[in-house]
């Protein structure tokens, strides 16, 4: 269970484990323990029975709007936030003067 990279994968493995060892008597009890609906648990168990563990744990492709900012820009922004440019004396010398 510790090898799962996502919370969803962990919940699926945990559910299957608890069901297989008989730690829960009903799907309703299992759903309460893992914080999912009964329908979800039934669906997971059905996928496992028909297609196996690999299919149950397969991650679905992510959908949604594409990012507006490029990966390089994100990395540069993170770097600038982490290490802001040093303030120069010329910049500081005029900060209290009124325009």
PDB file of N, CA and C in Angstrom:
ATOM      1  N   UNK A   1       0.817  -1.199   0.000  1.00  0.00           N
ATOM      2  CA  UNK A   1       0.000   0.000   0.000  1.00  0.00           C
ATOM      3  C   UNK A   1       0.857   1.259   0.000  1.00  0.00           C
ATOM      4  N   UNK A   2       2.036   1.186   0.583  1.00  0.00           N
ATOM      5  CA  UNK A   2       2.877   2.369   0.668  1.00  0.00           C
ATOM      6  C   UNK A   2       3.484   2.767  -0.664  1.00  0.00           C
ATOM      7  N   UNK A   3       3.376   1.917  -1.691  1.00  0.00           N
ATOM      8  CA  UNK A   3       3.989   2.216  -2.969  1.00  0.00           C
ATOM      9  C   UNK A   3       3.075   3.018  -3.888  1.00  0.00           C
ATOM     10  N   UNK A   4       1.864   3.282  -3.490  1.00  0.00           N
ATOM     11  CA  UNK A   4       0.948   4.038  -4.332  1.00  0.00           C
ATOM     12  C   UNK A   4       1.348   5.506  -4.338  1.00  0.00           C
ATOM     13  N   UNK A   5       1.310   6.108  -5.522  1.00  0.00           N
ATOM     14  CA  UNK A   5       1.734   7.493  -5.666  1.00  0.00           C
ATOM     15  C   UNK A   5       0.597   8.486  -5.503  1.00  0.00           C
ATOM     16  N   UNK A   6      -0.630   8.006  -5.617  1.00  0.00           N
ATOM     17  CA  UNK A   6      -1.775   8.906  -5.499  1.00  0.00           C
ATOM     18  C   UNK A   6      -2.694   8.447  -4.371  1.00  0.00           C
ATOM     19  N   UNK A   7      -3.458   9.387  -3.864  1.00  0.00           N
ATOM     20  CA  UNK A   7      -4.420   9.056  -2.807  1.00  0.00           C
ATOM     21  C   UNK A   7      -5.487   8.106  -3.337  1.00  0.00           C
ATOM     22  N   UNK A   8      -5.858   8.275  -4.592  1.00  0.00           N
ATOM     23  CA  UNK A   8      -6.861   7.395  -5.182  1.00  0.00           C
ATOM     24  C   UNK A   8      -6.336   5.968  -5.286  1.00  0.00           C
ATOM     25  N   UNK A   9      -5.099   5.819  -5.739  1.00  0.00           N
ATOM     26  CA  UNK A   9      -4.495   4.486  -5.819  1.00  0.00           C
ATOM     27  C   UNK A   9      -4.403   3.835  -4.451  1.00  0.00           C
ATOM     28  N   UNK A  10      -4.034   4.614  -3.451  1.00  0.00           N
ATOM     29  CA  UNK A  10      -3.951   4.097  -2.086  1.00  0.00           C
ATOM     30  C   UNK A  10      -5.321   3.630  -1.605  1.00  0.00           C
ATOM     31  N   UNK A  11      -6.360   4.430  -1.864  1.00  0.00           N
ATOM     32  CA  UNK A  11      -7.709   4.068  -1.426  1.00  0.00           C
ATOM     33  C   UNK A  11      -8.174   2.779  -2.098  1.00  0.00           C
ATOM     34  N   UNK A  12      -7.830   2.610  -3.366  1.00  0.00           N
ATOM     35  CA  UNK A  12      -8.214   1.385  -4.083  1.00  0.00           C
ATOM     36  C   UNK A  12      -7.526   0.163  -3.484  1.00  0.00           C
ATOM     37  N   UNK A  13      -6.221   0.265  -3.252  1.00  0.00           N
ATOM     38  CA  UNK A  13      -5.471  -0.859  -2.687  1.00  0.00           C
ATOM     39  C   UNK A  13      -5.941  -1.149  -1.266  1.00  0.00           C
ATOM     40  N   UNK A  14      -6.150  -0.110  -0.479  1.00  0.00           N
ATOM     41  CA  UNK A  14      -6.626  -0.285   0.892  1.00  0.00           C
ATOM     42  C   UNK A  14      -7.987  -0.973   0.905  1.00  0.00           C
ATOM     43  N   UNK A  15      -8.869  -0.546   0.028  1.00  0.00           N
ATOM     44  CA  UNK A  15     -10.199  -1.154  -0.047  1.00  0.00           C
ATOM     45  C   UNK A  15     -10.111  -2.626  -0.397  1.00  0.00           C
ATOM     46  N   UNK A  16      -9.332  -2.926  -1.408  1.00  0.00           N
ATOM     47  CA  UNK A  16      -9.188  -4.316  -1.841  1.00  0.00           C
ATOM     48  C   UNK A  16      -8.579  -5.170  -0.731  1.00  0.00           C
ATOM     49  N   UNK A  17      -7.573  -4.634  -0.060  1.00  0.00           N
ATOM     50  CA  UNK A  17      -6.910  -5.354   1.033  1.00  0.00           C
ATOM     51  C   UNK A  17      -7.890  -5.649   2.174  1.00  0.00           C
ATOM     52  N   UNK A  18      -8.600  -4.628   2.619  1.00  0.00           N
ATOM     53  CA  UNK A  18      -9.548  -4.811   3.725  1.00  0.00           C
ATOM     54  C   UNK A  18     -10.651  -5.796   3.349  1.00  0.00           C
ATOM     55  N   UNK A  19     -11.087  -5.764   2.099  1.00  0.00           N
ATOM     56  CA  UNK A  19     -12.128  -6.682   1.639  1.00  0.00           C
ATOM     57  C   UNK A  19     -11.606  -8.115   1.592  1.00  0.00           C
ATOM     58  N   UNK A  20     -10.387  -8.285   1.055  1.00  0.00           N
ATOM     59  CA  UNK A  20      -9.817  -9.627   0.891  1.00  0.00           C
ATOM     60  C   UNK A  20      -9.522 -10.309   2.232  1.00  0.00           C
ATOM     61  N   UNK A  21      -9.039  -9.555   3.214  1.00  0.00           N
ATOM     62  CA  UNK A  21      -8.704 -10.184   4.499  1.00  0.00           C
ATOM     63  C   UNK A  21      -9.924 -10.337   5.402  1.00  0.00           C
ATOM     64  N   UNK A  22     -11.056  -9.805   4.974  1.00  0.00           N
ATOM     65  CA  UNK A  22     -12.278  -9.937   5.758  1.00  0.00           C
ATOM     66  C   UNK A  22     -12.354  -8.989   6.935  1.00  0.00           C
ATOM     67  N   UNK A  23     -11.637  -7.882   6.865  1.00  0.00           N
ATOM     68  CA  UNK A  23     -11.655  -6.910   7.958  1.00  0.00           C
ATOM     69  C   UNK A  23     -12.979  -6.157   8.023  1.00  0.00           C
ATOM     70  N   UNK A  24     -13.732  -6.193   6.935  1.00  0.00           N
ATOM     71  CA  UNK A  24     -15.049  -5.559   6.895  1.00  0.00           C
ATOM     72  C   UNK A  24     -16.065  -6.594   6.424  1.00  0.00           C
ATOM     73  N   UNK A  25     -17.289  -6.451   6.911  1.00  0.00           N
ATOM     74  CA  UNK A  25     -18.333  -7.415   6.543  1.00  0.00           C
ATOM     75  C   UNK A  25     -19.208  -6.927   5.402  1.00  0.00           C
ATOM     76  N   UNK A  26     -19.317  -5.611   5.252  1.00  0.00           N
ATOM     77  CA  UNK A  26     -20.188  -5.073   4.208  1.00  0.00           C
ATOM     78  C   UNK A  26     -19.453  -4.019   3.393  1.00  0.00           C
ATOM     79  N   UNK A  27     -19.939  -3.822   2.187  1.00  0.00           N
ATOM     80  CA  UNK A  27     -19.384  -2.768   1.335  1.00  0.00           C
ATOM     81  C   UNK A  27     -19.673  -1.405   1.952  1.00  0.00           C
ATOM     82  N   UNK A  28     -20.804  -1.282   2.609  1.00  0.00           N
ATOM     83  CA  UNK A  28     -21.149  -0.018   3.266  1.00  0.00           C
ATOM     84  C   UNK A  28     -20.098   0.336   4.329  1.00  0.00           C
ATOM     85  N   UNK A  29     -19.707  -0.638   5.138  1.00  0.00           N
ATOM     86  CA  UNK A  29     -18.694  -0.412   6.169  1.00  0.00           C
ATOM     87  C   UNK A  29     -17.357  -0.045   5.520  1.00  0.00           C
ATOM     88  N   UNK A  30     -16.997  -0.738   4.460  1.00  0.00           N
ATOM     89  CA  UNK A  30     -15.755  -0.445   3.740  1.00  0.00           C
ATOM     90  C   UNK A  30     -15.779   0.971   3.171  1.00  0.00           C
ATOM     91  N   UNK A  31     -16.915   1.360   2.613  1.00  0.00           N
ATOM     92  CA  UNK A  31     -17.047   2.704   2.045  1.00  0.00           C
ATOM     93  C   UNK A  31     -16.849   3.778   3.108  1.00  0.00           C
ATOM     94  N   UNK A  32     -17.372   3.535   4.293  1.00  0.00           N
ATOM     95  CA  UNK A  32     -17.207   4.492   5.390  1.00  0.00           C
ATOM     96  C   UNK A  32     -15.738   4.588   5.791  1.00  0.00           C
ATOM     97  N   UNK A  33     -15.063   3.455   5.872  1.00  0.00           N
ATOM     98  CA  UNK A  33     -13.660   3.440   6.294  1.00  0.00           C
ATOM     99  C   UNK A  33     -12.771   4.215   5.323  1.00  0.00           C
ATOM    100  N   UNK A  34     -12.960   3.987   4.026  1.00  0.00           N
ATOM    101  CA  UNK A  34     -12.072   4.630   3.046  1.00  0.00           C
ATOM    102  C   UNK A  34     -12.601   5.970   2.556  1.00  0.00           C
ATOM    103  N   UNK A  35     -13.790   6.353   3.002  1.00  0.00           N
ATOM    104  CA  UNK A  35     -14.316   7.668   2.650  1.00  0.00           C
ATOM    105  C   UNK A  35     -14.796   7.779   1.215  1.00  0.00           C
ATOM    106  N   UNK A  36     -15.350   6.708   0.681  1.00  0.00           N
ATOM    107  CA  UNK A  36     -15.890   6.690  -0.685  1.00  0.00           C
ATOM    108  C   UNK A  36     -17.327   6.201  -0.636  1.00  0.00           C
ATOM    109  N   UNK A  37     -18.032   6.329  -1.736  1.00  0.00           N
ATOM    110  CA  UNK A  37     -19.413   5.854  -1.770  1.00  0.00           C
ATOM    111  C   UNK A  37     -19.445   4.346  -2.002  1.00  0.00           C
ATOM    112  N   UNK A  38     -20.575   3.745  -1.639  1.00  0.00           N
ATOM    113  CA  UNK A  38     -20.743   2.306  -1.874  1.00  0.00           C
ATOM    114  C   UNK A  38     -20.645   1.992  -3.361  1.00  0.00           C
ATOM    115  N   UNK A  39     -21.235   2.845  -4.166  1.00  0.00           N
ATOM    116  CA  UNK A  39     -21.199   2.629  -5.615  1.00  0.00           C
ATOM    117  C   UNK A  39     -19.760   2.586  -6.127  1.00  0.00           C
ATOM    118  N   UNK A  40     -18.925   3.476  -5.625  1.00  0.00           N
ATOM    119  CA  UNK A  40     -17.520   3.495  -6.026  1.00  0.00           C
ATOM    120  C   UNK A  40     -16.832   2.200  -5.637  1.00  0.00           C
ATOM    121  N   UNK A  41     -17.067   1.743  -4.419  1.00  0.00           N
ATOM    122  CA  UNK A  41     -16.453   0.490  -3.959  1.00  0.00           C
ATOM    123  C   UNK A  41     -16.915  -0.674  -4.818  1.00  0.00           C
ATOM    124  N   UNK A  42     -18.208  -0.755  -5.106  1.00  0.00           N
ATOM    125  CA  UNK A  42     -18.718  -1.822  -5.974  1.00  0.00           C
ATOM    126  C   UNK A  42     -18.054  -1.768  -7.356  1.00  0.00           C
ATOM    127  N   UNK A  43     -17.896  -0.561  -7.882  1.00  0.00           N
ATOM    128  CA  UNK A  43     -17.264  -0.403  -9.196  1.00  0.00           C
ATOM    129  C   UNK A  43     -15.815  -0.872  -9.162  1.00  0.00           C
ATOM    130  N   UNK A  44     -15.076  -0.490  -8.100  1.00  0.00           N
ATOM    131  CA  UNK A  44     -13.684  -0.927  -7.972  1.00  0.00           C
ATOM    132  C   UNK A  44     -13.587  -2.441  -7.882  1.00  0.00           C
ATOM    133  N   UNK A  45     -14.445  -3.060  -7.080  1.00  0.00           N
ATOM    134  CA  UNK A  45     -14.418  -4.516  -6.927  1.00  0.00           C
ATOM    135  C   UNK A  45     -14.753  -5.214  -8.241  1.00  0.00           C
ATOM    136  N   UNK A  46     -15.679  -4.667  -8.986  1.00  0.00           N
ATOM    137  CA  UNK A  46     -16.055  -5.254 -10.272  1.00  0.00           C
ATOM    138  C   UNK A  46     -14.904  -5.150 -11.279  1.00  0.00           C
ATOM    139  N   UNK A  47     -14.251  -4.008 -11.327  1.00  0.00           N
ATOM    140  CA  UNK A  47     -13.090  -3.853 -12.214  1.00  0.00           C
ATOM    141  C   UNK A  47     -12.012  -4.852 -11.828  1.00  0.00           C
ATOM    142  N   UNK A  48     -11.762  -4.997 -10.540  1.00  0.00           N
ATOM    143  CA  UNK A  48     -10.749  -5.950 -10.071  1.00  0.00           C
ATOM    144  C   UNK A  48     -11.111  -7.378 -10.471  1.00  0.00           C
ATOM    145  N   UNK A  49     -12.362  -7.766 -10.267  1.00  0.00           N
ATOM    146  CA  UNK A  49     -12.786  -9.137 -10.594  1.00  0.00           C
ATOM    147  C   UNK A  49     -12.688  -9.424 -12.090  1.00  0.00           C
ATOM    148  N   UNK A  50     -13.061  -8.462 -12.906  1.00  0.00           N
ATOM    149  CA  UNK A  50     -13.109  -8.697 -14.346  1.00  0.00           C
ATOM    150  C   UNK A  50     -11.767  -8.480 -15.047  1.00  0.00           C
ATOM    151  N   UNK A  51     -10.986  -7.491 -14.583  1.00  0.00           N
ATOM    152  CA  UNK A  51      -9.809  -7.087 -15.350  1.00  0.00           C
ATOM    153  C   UNK A  51      -8.504  -7.148 -14.575  1.00  0.00           C
ATOM    154  N   UNK A  52      -8.565  -7.342 -13.270  1.00  0.00           N
ATOM    155  CA  UNK A  52      -7.348  -7.478 -12.483  1.00  0.00           C
ATOM    156  C   UNK A  52      -6.865  -6.190 -11.848  1.00  0.00           C
ATOM    157  N   UNK A  53      -5.818  -6.350 -11.051  1.00  0.00           N
ATOM    158  CA  UNK A  53      -5.277  -5.235 -10.264  1.00  0.00           C
ATOM    159  C   UNK A  53      -4.651  -4.151 -11.144  1.00  0.00           C
ATOM    160  N   UNK A  54      -4.023  -4.566 -12.250  1.00  0.00           N
ATOM    161  CA  UNK A  54      -3.371  -3.583 -13.120  1.00  0.00           C
ATOM    162  C   UNK A  54      -4.389  -2.587 -13.674  1.00  0.00           C
ATOM    163  N   UNK A  55      -5.521  -3.120 -14.120  1.00  0.00           N
ATOM    164  CA  UNK A  55      -6.558  -2.245 -14.677  1.00  0.00           C
ATOM    165  C   UNK A  55      -7.181  -1.372 -13.589  1.00  0.00           C
ATOM    166  N   UNK A  56      -7.342  -1.917 -12.399  1.00  0.00           N
ATOM    167  CA  UNK A  56      -7.903  -1.148 -11.294  1.00  0.00           C
ATOM    168  C   UNK A  56      -7.012   0.044 -10.953  1.00  0.00           C
ATOM    169  N   UNK A  57      -5.704  -0.166 -11.001  1.00  0.00           N
ATOM    170  CA  UNK A  57      -4.773   0.888 -10.594  1.00  0.00           C
ATOM    171  C   UNK A  57      -4.317   1.771 -11.749  1.00  0.00           C
ATOM    172  N   UNK A  58      -4.762   1.478 -12.960  1.00  0.00           N
ATOM    173  CA  UNK A  58      -4.364   2.289 -14.110  1.00  0.00           C
ATOM    174  C   UNK A  58      -4.899   3.704 -13.940  1.00  0.00           C
ATOM    175  N   UNK A  59      -4.016   4.683 -14.152  1.00  0.00           N
ATOM    176  CA  UNK A  59      -4.436   6.075 -14.023  1.00  0.00           C
ATOM    177  C   UNK A  59      -5.087   6.530 -15.317  1.00  0.00           C
ATOM    178  N   UNK A  60      -6.202   7.192 -15.184  1.00  0.00           N
ATOM    179  CA  UNK A  60      -6.905   7.720 -16.341  1.00  0.00           C
ATOM    180  C   UNK A  60      -6.171   8.964 -16.843  1.00  0.00           C
ATOM    181  N   UNK A  61      -6.233   9.246 -18.146  1.00  0.00           N
ATOM    182  CA  UNK A  61      -5.592  10.464 -18.647  1.00  0.00           C
ATOM    183  C   UNK A  61      -6.245  11.699 -18.045  1.00  0.00           C
ATOM    184  N   UNK A  62      -5.426  12.665 -17.736  1.00  0.00           N
ATOM    185  CA  UNK A  62      -5.930  13.893 -17.137  1.00  0.00           C
ATOM    186  C   UNK A  62      -6.569  14.755 -18.230  1.00  0.00           C
ATOM    187  N   UNK A  63      -7.713  15.311 -17.905  1.00  0.00           N
ATOM    188  CA  UNK A  63      -8.413  16.166 -18.856  1.00  0.00           C
ATOM    189  C   UNK A  63      -8.516  17.560 -18.271  1.00  0.00           C
ATOM    190  N   UNK A  64      -8.933  18.472 -19.085  1.00  0.00           N
ATOM    191  CA  UNK A  64      -9.120  19.827 -18.602  1.00  0.00           C
ATOM    192  C   UNK A  64      -8.374  20.835 -19.447  1.00  0.00           C
ATOM    193  N   UNK A  65      -8.456  22.034 -19.013  1.00  0.00           N
ATOM    194  CA  UNK A  65      -7.857  23.136 -19.745  1.00  0.00           C
ATOM    195  C   UNK A  65      -6.339  23.054 -19.679  1.00  0.00           C
ATOM    196  N   UNK A  66      -5.648  23.299 -20.795  1.00  0.00           N
ATOM    197  CA  UNK A  66      -4.186  23.283 -20.768  1.00  0.00           C
ATOM    198  C   UNK A  66      -3.633  24.478 -19.992  1.00  0.00           C
ATOM    199  N   UNK A  67      -2.424  24.324 -19.511  1.00  0.00           N
ATOM    200  CA  UNK A  67      -1.788  25.397 -18.746  1.00  0.00           C
ATOM    201  C   UNK A  67      -1.518  26.597 -19.653  1.00  0.00           C
ATOM    202  N   UNK A  68      -1.644  27.793 -19.088  1.00  0.00           N
ATOM    203  CA  UNK A  68      -1.369  29.007 -19.845  1.00  0.00           C
ATOM    204  C   UNK A  68       0.103  29.397 -19.775  1.00  0.00           C
ATOM    205  N   UNK A  69       0.800  28.904 -18.784  1.00  0.00           N
ATOM    206  CA  UNK A  69       2.195  29.274 -18.591  1.00  0.00           C
ATOM    207  C   UNK A  69       3.065  28.056 -18.898  1.00  0.00           C
ATOM    208  N   UNK A  70       4.156  28.289 -19.611  1.00  0.00           N
ATOM    209  CA  UNK A  70       5.046  27.199 -20.004  1.00  0.00           C
ATOM    210  C   UNK A  70       5.819  26.674 -18.795  1.00  0.00           C
ATOM    211  N   UNK A  71       6.295  25.452 -18.910  1.00  0.00           N
ATOM    212  CA  UNK A  71       7.060  24.822 -17.830  1.00  0.00           C
ATOM    213  C   UNK A  71       8.312  25.635 -17.511  1.00  0.00           C
ATOM    214  N   UNK A  72       8.975  26.136 -18.562  1.00  0.00           N
ATOM    215  CA  UNK A  72      10.197  26.931 -18.352  1.00  0.00           C
ATOM    216  C   UNK A  72       9.894  28.210 -17.581  1.00  0.00           C
ATOM    217  N   UNK A  73       8.777  28.857 -17.924  1.00  0.00           N
ATOM    218  CA  UNK A  73       8.397  30.079 -17.222  1.00  0.00           C
ATOM    219  C   UNK A  73       8.071  29.795 -15.759  1.00  0.00           C
ATOM    220  N   UNK A  74       7.439  28.671 -15.502  1.00  0.00           N
ATOM    221  CA  UNK A  74       7.122  28.284 -14.130  1.00  0.00           C
ATOM    222  C   UNK A  74       8.400  28.080 -13.332  1.00  0.00           C
ATOM    223  N   UNK A  75       9.371  27.387 -13.918  1.00  0.00           N
ATOM    224  CA  UNK A  75      10.640  27.144 -13.235  1.00  0.00           C
ATOM    225  C   UNK A  75      11.369  28.454 -12.963  1.00  0.00           C
ATOM    226  N   UNK A  76      11.364  29.361 -13.944  1.00  0.00           N
ATOM    227  CA  UNK A  76      12.033  30.650 -13.765  1.00  0.00           C
ATOM    228  C   UNK A  76      11.351  31.460 -12.661  1.00  0.00           C
ATOM    229  N   UNK A  77      10.041  31.457 -12.641  1.00  0.00           N
ATOM    230  CA  UNK A  77       9.296  32.187 -11.618  1.00  0.00           C
ATOM    231  C   UNK A  77       9.583  31.635 -10.227  1.00  0.00           C
ATOM    232  N   UNK A  78       9.627  30.309 -10.099  1.00  0.00           N
ATOM    233  CA  UNK A  78       9.953  29.693  -8.811  1.00  0.00           C
ATOM    234  C   UNK A  78      11.350  30.098  -8.353  1.00  0.00           C
ATOM    235  N   UNK A  79      12.296  30.141  -9.293  1.00  0.00           N
ATOM    236  CA  UNK A  79      13.672  30.520  -8.964  1.00  0.00           C
ATOM    237  C   UNK A  79      13.726  31.973  -8.493  1.00  0.00           C
ATOM    238  N   UNK A  80      13.010  32.863  -9.174  1.00  0.00           N
ATOM    239  CA  UNK A  80      13.011  34.276  -8.788  1.00  0.00           C
ATOM    240  C   UNK A  80      12.358  34.489  -7.424  1.00  0.00           C
ATOM    241  N   UNK A  81      11.341  33.710  -7.125  1.00  0.00           N
ATOM    242  CA  UNK A  81      10.696  33.823  -5.813  1.00  0.00           C
ATOM    243  C   UNK A  81      11.632  33.323  -4.723  1.00  0.00           C
ATOM    244  N   UNK A  82      12.333  32.225  -5.012  1.00  0.00           N
ATOM    245  CA  UNK A  82      13.245  31.649  -4.026  1.00  0.00           C
ATOM    246  C   UNK A  82      14.448  32.555  -3.782  1.00  0.00           C
ATOM    247  N   UNK A  83      14.985  33.143  -4.842  1.00  0.00           N
ATOM    248  CA  UNK A  83      16.170  33.997  -4.744  1.00  0.00           C
ATOM    249  C   UNK A  83      15.877  35.348  -5.395  1.00  0.00           C
ATOM    250  N   UNK A  84      15.257  36.267  -4.654  1.00  0.00           N
ATOM    251  CA  UNK A  84      14.942  37.572  -5.242  1.00  0.00           C
ATOM    252  C   UNK A  84      16.226  38.346  -5.538  1.00  0.00           C
ATOM    253  N   UNK A  85      16.197  39.220  -6.544  1.00  0.00           N
ATOM    254  CA  UNK A  85      17.396  40.001  -6.861  1.00  0.00           C
ATOM    255  C   UNK A  85      17.764  40.911  -5.686  1.00  0.00           C
ATOM    256  N   UNK A  86      19.053  41.133  -5.539  1.00  0.00           N
ATOM    257  CA  UNK A  86      19.534  41.990  -4.452  1.00  0.00           C
ATOM    258  C   UNK A  86      19.139  43.442  -4.713  1.00  0.00           C
ATOM    259  N   UNK A  87      18.829  44.157  -3.656  1.00  0.00           N
ATOM    260  CA  UNK A  87      18.505  45.572  -3.791  1.00  0.00           C
ATOM    261  C   UNK A  87      19.799  46.363  -3.924  1.00  0.00           C
ATOM    262  N   UNK A  88      19.822  47.279  -4.854  1.00  0.00           N
ATOM    263  CA  UNK A  88      21.032  48.081  -5.048  1.00  0.00           C
ATOM    264  C   UNK A  88      20.922  49.374  -4.240  1.00  0.00           C
ATOM    265  N   UNK A  89      22.059  49.990  -3.984  1.00  0.00           N
ATOM    266  CA  UNK A  89      22.074  51.242  -3.227  1.00  0.00           C
ATOM    267  C   UNK A  89      21.385  52.349  -4.010  1.00  0.00           C
ATOM    268  N   UNK A  90      21.518  52.342  -5.337  1.00  0.00           N
ATOM    269  CA  UNK A  90      20.867  53.386  -6.126  1.00  0.00           C
ATOM    270  C   UNK A  90      19.347  53.268  -6.023  1.00  0.00           C
ATOM    271  N   UNK A  91      18.865  52.082  -5.937  1.00  0.00           N
ATOM    272  CA  UNK A  91      17.431  51.874  -5.785  1.00  0.00           C
ATOM    273  C   UNK A  91      16.972  52.327  -4.400  1.00  0.00           C
ATOM    274  N   UNK A  92      17.772  52.023  -3.378  1.00  0.00           N
ATOM    275  CA  UNK A  92      17.405  52.375  -2.010  1.00  0.00           C
ATOM    276  C   UNK A  92      17.564  53.862  -1.719  1.00  0.00           C
ATOM    277  N   UNK A  93      18.485  54.536  -2.409  1.00  0.00           N
ATOM    278  CA  UNK A  93      18.764  55.935  -2.087  1.00  0.00           C
ATOM    279  C   UNK A  93      17.589  56.855  -2.396  1.00  0.00           C
ATOM    280  N   UNK A  94      16.730  56.477  -3.316  1.00  0.00           N
ATOM    281  CA  UNK A  94      15.630  57.369  -3.665  1.00  0.00           C
ATOM    282  C   UNK A  94      14.275  56.907  -3.172  1.00  0.00           C
ATOM    283  N   UNK A  95      14.234  55.950  -2.300  1.00  0.00           N
ATOM    284  CA  UNK A  95      12.945  55.390  -1.904  1.00  0.00           C
ATOM    285  C   UNK A  95      12.107  56.335  -1.060  1.00  0.00           C
ATOM    286  N   UNK A  96      12.770  57.252  -0.289  1.00  0.00           N
ATOM    287  CA  UNK A  96      11.997  58.136   0.587  1.00  0.00           C
ATOM    288  C   UNK A  96      11.767  59.519  -0.011  1.00  0.00           C
ATOM    289  N   UNK A  97      12.296  59.778  -1.184  1.00  0.00           N
ATOM    290  CA  UNK A  97      12.112  61.088  -1.817  1.00  0.00           C
ATOM    291  C   UNK A  97      10.761  61.126  -2.508  1.00  0.00           C
ATOM    292  N   UNK A  98      10.115  62.268  -2.408  1.00  0.00           N
ATOM    293  CA  UNK A  98       8.833  62.425  -3.091  1.00  0.00           C
ATOM    294  C   UNK A  98       9.083  62.912  -4.504  1.00  0.00           C
ATOM    295  N   UNK A  99       8.233  62.519  -5.427  1.00  0.00           N
ATOM    296  CA  UNK A  99       8.401  62.883  -6.838  1.00  0.00           C
ATOM    297  C   UNK A  99       7.878  64.255  -7.107  1.00  0.00           C
TER     298      UNK A  99
END
